[in-house]
């Protein structure tokens, strides 16, 4: 098992890019086979591109929670989810729960 430190994104903070912006809105956990999966949901908007407009609701999966750091820290030790079958099942669960169109894994 390889663990990584995941730095939580700021919620509600708009991040600008050349073609639009995105923002994380919510942090959540999902129970999957007795383990907690840490994820964040948000939206992305393409509204300043020369090629048109669009947007999506997305989820970013940090991984299985191993240890949350104490205090006001926004860091969590996670085990990345590498198994394709587990990723597919978690993707389906998050699409149903969060109505997201895209799921990305850390």
C-alpha atoms as a PDB file:
ATOM      1  CA  UNK A   1       0.000   0.000   0.000  1.00  0.00           C
ATOM      2  CA  UNK A   2       1.314   3.414  -0.994  1.00  0.00           C
ATOM      3  CA  UNK A   3      -0.068   6.406   0.841  1.00  0.00           C
ATOM      4  CA  UNK A   4      -0.046  10.053  -0.171  1.00  0.00           C
ATOM      5  CA  UNK A   5      -0.787  13.313   1.559  1.00  0.00           C
ATOM      6  CA  UNK A   6      -3.810  15.003   0.014  1.00  0.00           C
ATOM      7  CA  UNK A   7      -4.130  18.777   0.386  1.00  0.00           C
ATOM      8  CA  UNK A   8      -7.795  19.747   0.564  1.00  0.00           C
ATOM      9  CA  UNK A   9      -8.893  22.435  -1.896  1.00  0.00           C
ATOM     10  CA  UNK A  10     -10.506  25.617  -0.621  1.00  0.00           C
ATOM     11  CA  UNK A  11     -14.290  25.393  -0.850  1.00  0.00           C
ATOM     12  CA  UNK A  12     -16.152  28.145  -2.672  1.00  0.00           C
ATOM     13  CA  UNK A  13     -12.996  29.755  -4.036  1.00  0.00           C
ATOM     14  CA  UNK A  14     -13.227  30.581  -7.735  1.00  0.00           C
ATOM     15  CA  UNK A  15     -10.127  29.562  -9.688  1.00  0.00           C
ATOM     16  CA  UNK A  16      -9.797  31.474 -12.960  1.00  0.00           C
ATOM     17  CA  UNK A  17      -8.292  30.121 -16.163  1.00  0.00           C
ATOM     18  CA  UNK A  18      -7.893  31.441 -19.678  1.00  0.00           C
ATOM     19  CA  UNK A  19     -11.200  29.919 -20.790  1.00  0.00           C
ATOM     20  CA  UNK A  20     -13.321  30.106 -17.636  1.00  0.00           C
ATOM     21  CA  UNK A  21     -13.235  29.084 -14.010  1.00  0.00           C
ATOM     22  CA  UNK A  22     -13.916  26.262 -11.570  1.00  0.00           C
ATOM     23  CA  UNK A  23     -14.742  25.958  -7.900  1.00  0.00           C
ATOM     24  CA  UNK A  24     -14.974  23.163  -5.348  1.00  0.00           C
ATOM     25  CA  UNK A  25     -18.268  23.390  -3.460  1.00  0.00           C
ATOM     26  CA  UNK A  26     -18.433  20.412  -1.135  1.00  0.00           C
ATOM     27  CA  UNK A  27     -16.292  17.840   0.647  1.00  0.00           C
ATOM     28  CA  UNK A  28     -17.733  14.438   1.374  1.00  0.00           C
ATOM     29  CA  UNK A  29     -16.992  10.845   2.203  1.00  0.00           C
ATOM     30  CA  UNK A  30     -18.461   7.766   0.636  1.00  0.00           C
ATOM     31  CA  UNK A  31     -18.642   4.389   2.358  1.00  0.00           C
ATOM     32  CA  UNK A  32     -17.263   1.800  -0.039  1.00  0.00           C
ATOM     33  CA  UNK A  33     -16.840  -1.776   1.169  1.00  0.00           C
ATOM     34  CA  UNK A  34     -16.273  -0.628   4.748  1.00  0.00           C
ATOM     35  CA  UNK A  35     -13.737   2.060   3.860  1.00  0.00           C
ATOM     36  CA  UNK A  36     -14.168   5.842   3.681  1.00  0.00           C
ATOM     37  CA  UNK A  37     -13.511   7.436   0.303  1.00  0.00           C
ATOM     38  CA  UNK A  38     -12.690  11.159   0.489  1.00  0.00           C
ATOM     39  CA  UNK A  39     -13.957  13.259  -2.410  1.00  0.00           C
ATOM     40  CA  UNK A  40     -14.751  16.846  -3.373  1.00  0.00           C
ATOM     41  CA  UNK A  41     -17.435  18.026  -5.781  1.00  0.00           C
ATOM     42  CA  UNK A  42     -17.526  21.221  -7.754  1.00  0.00           C
ATOM     43  CA  UNK A  43     -18.290  22.813 -11.079  1.00  0.00           C
ATOM     44  CA  UNK A  44     -16.361  24.077 -14.063  1.00  0.00           C
ATOM     45  CA  UNK A  45     -17.532  26.775 -16.472  1.00  0.00           C
ATOM     46  CA  UNK A  46     -16.134  27.638 -19.876  1.00  0.00           C
ATOM     47  CA  UNK A  47     -17.390  31.173 -20.457  1.00  0.00           C
ATOM     48  CA  UNK A  48     -14.477  33.150 -21.853  1.00  0.00           C
ATOM     49  CA  UNK A  49     -13.305  30.859 -24.634  1.00  0.00           C
ATOM     50  CA  UNK A  50     -13.243  31.815 -28.291  1.00  0.00           C
ATOM     51  CA  UNK A  51     -14.678  28.386 -29.128  1.00  0.00           C
ATOM     52  CA  UNK A  52     -17.978  28.533 -27.214  1.00  0.00           C
ATOM     53  CA  UNK A  53     -19.362  28.022 -23.745  1.00  0.00           C
ATOM     54  CA  UNK A  54     -20.073  25.020 -21.548  1.00  0.00           C
ATOM     55  CA  UNK A  55     -19.699  23.560 -18.123  1.00  0.00           C
ATOM     56  CA  UNK A  56     -19.840  20.483 -15.956  1.00  0.00           C
ATOM     57  CA  UNK A  57     -20.239  19.224 -12.418  1.00  0.00           C
ATOM     58  CA  UNK A  58     -17.264  17.121 -11.353  1.00  0.00           C
ATOM     59  CA  UNK A  59     -15.966  15.057  -8.453  1.00  0.00           C
ATOM     60  CA  UNK A  60     -12.341  14.659  -7.466  1.00  0.00           C
ATOM     61  CA  UNK A  61     -11.589  11.500  -5.487  1.00  0.00           C
ATOM     62  CA  UNK A  62      -8.621  11.743  -3.133  1.00  0.00           C
ATOM     63  CA  UNK A  63      -8.655   8.069  -2.112  1.00  0.00           C
ATOM     64  CA  UNK A  64      -9.301   5.883   0.909  1.00  0.00           C
ATOM     65  CA  UNK A  65      -8.865   7.820   4.144  1.00  0.00           C
ATOM     66  CA  UNK A  66      -5.997   6.453   6.217  1.00  0.00           C
ATOM     67  CA  UNK A  67      -5.453   9.313   8.671  1.00  0.00           C
ATOM     68  CA  UNK A  68      -6.819  12.801   9.037  1.00  0.00           C
ATOM     69  CA  UNK A  69      -4.322  15.291  10.365  1.00  0.00           C
ATOM     70  CA  UNK A  70      -5.177  17.036  13.630  1.00  0.00           C
ATOM     71  CA  UNK A  71      -6.077  20.658  14.204  1.00  0.00           C
ATOM     72  CA  UNK A  72      -6.926  23.071  11.446  1.00  0.00           C
ATOM     73  CA  UNK A  73      -4.846  21.202   8.907  1.00  0.00           C
ATOM     74  CA  UNK A  74      -6.340  20.657   5.494  1.00  0.00           C
ATOM     75  CA  UNK A  75      -4.278  17.569   4.840  1.00  0.00           C
ATOM     76  CA  UNK A  76      -5.331  13.937   4.899  1.00  0.00           C
ATOM     77  CA  UNK A  77      -3.291  10.802   4.381  1.00  0.00           C
ATOM     78  CA  UNK A  78      -4.991   8.710   1.709  1.00  0.00           C
ATOM     79  CA  UNK A  79      -4.449   5.499  -0.199  1.00  0.00           C
ATOM     80  CA  UNK A  80      -4.994   6.226  -3.900  1.00  0.00           C
ATOM     81  CA  UNK A  81      -7.586   4.024  -5.599  1.00  0.00           C
ATOM     82  CA  UNK A  82      -5.836   2.194  -8.430  1.00  0.00           C
ATOM     83  CA  UNK A  83      -8.089  -0.792  -9.095  1.00  0.00           C
ATOM     84  CA  UNK A  84     -10.117  -0.146 -12.287  1.00  0.00           C
ATOM     85  CA  UNK A  85     -13.160  -2.105 -11.051  1.00  0.00           C
ATOM     86  CA  UNK A  86     -13.237  -0.145  -7.779  1.00  0.00           C
ATOM     87  CA  UNK A  87     -12.871   3.116  -9.691  1.00  0.00           C
ATOM     88  CA  UNK A  88     -15.804   2.179 -11.932  1.00  0.00           C
ATOM     89  CA  UNK A  89     -18.042   1.323  -8.965  1.00  0.00           C
ATOM     90  CA  UNK A  90     -17.079   4.500  -7.075  1.00  0.00           C
ATOM     91  CA  UNK A  91     -17.635   6.562 -10.228  1.00  0.00           C
ATOM     92  CA  UNK A  92     -21.166   5.149 -10.590  1.00  0.00           C
ATOM     93  CA  UNK A  93     -21.924   5.809  -6.915  1.00  0.00           C
ATOM     94  CA  UNK A  94     -20.715   9.420  -7.116  1.00  0.00           C
ATOM     95  CA  UNK A  95     -22.571  10.113 -10.364  1.00  0.00           C
ATOM     96  CA  UNK A  96     -25.769   8.982  -8.636  1.00  0.00           C
ATOM     97  CA  UNK A  97     -25.086  10.865  -5.397  1.00  0.00           C
ATOM     98  CA  UNK A  98     -23.634  14.138  -6.753  1.00  0.00           C
ATOM     99  CA  UNK A  99     -25.166  14.207 -10.268  1.00  0.00           C
ATOM    100  CA  UNK A 100     -21.670  14.832 -11.617  1.00  0.00           C
ATOM    101  CA  UNK A 101     -20.705  14.206 -15.211  1.00  0.00           C
ATOM    102  CA  UNK A 102     -17.004  13.662 -14.580  1.00  0.00           C
ATOM    103  CA  UNK A 103     -15.068  11.812 -11.843  1.00  0.00           C
ATOM    104  CA  UNK A 104     -11.297  12.205 -11.508  1.00  0.00           C
ATOM    105  CA  UNK A 105      -9.014  10.225  -9.191  1.00  0.00           C
ATOM    106  CA  UNK A 106      -5.997  11.684  -7.327  1.00  0.00           C
END
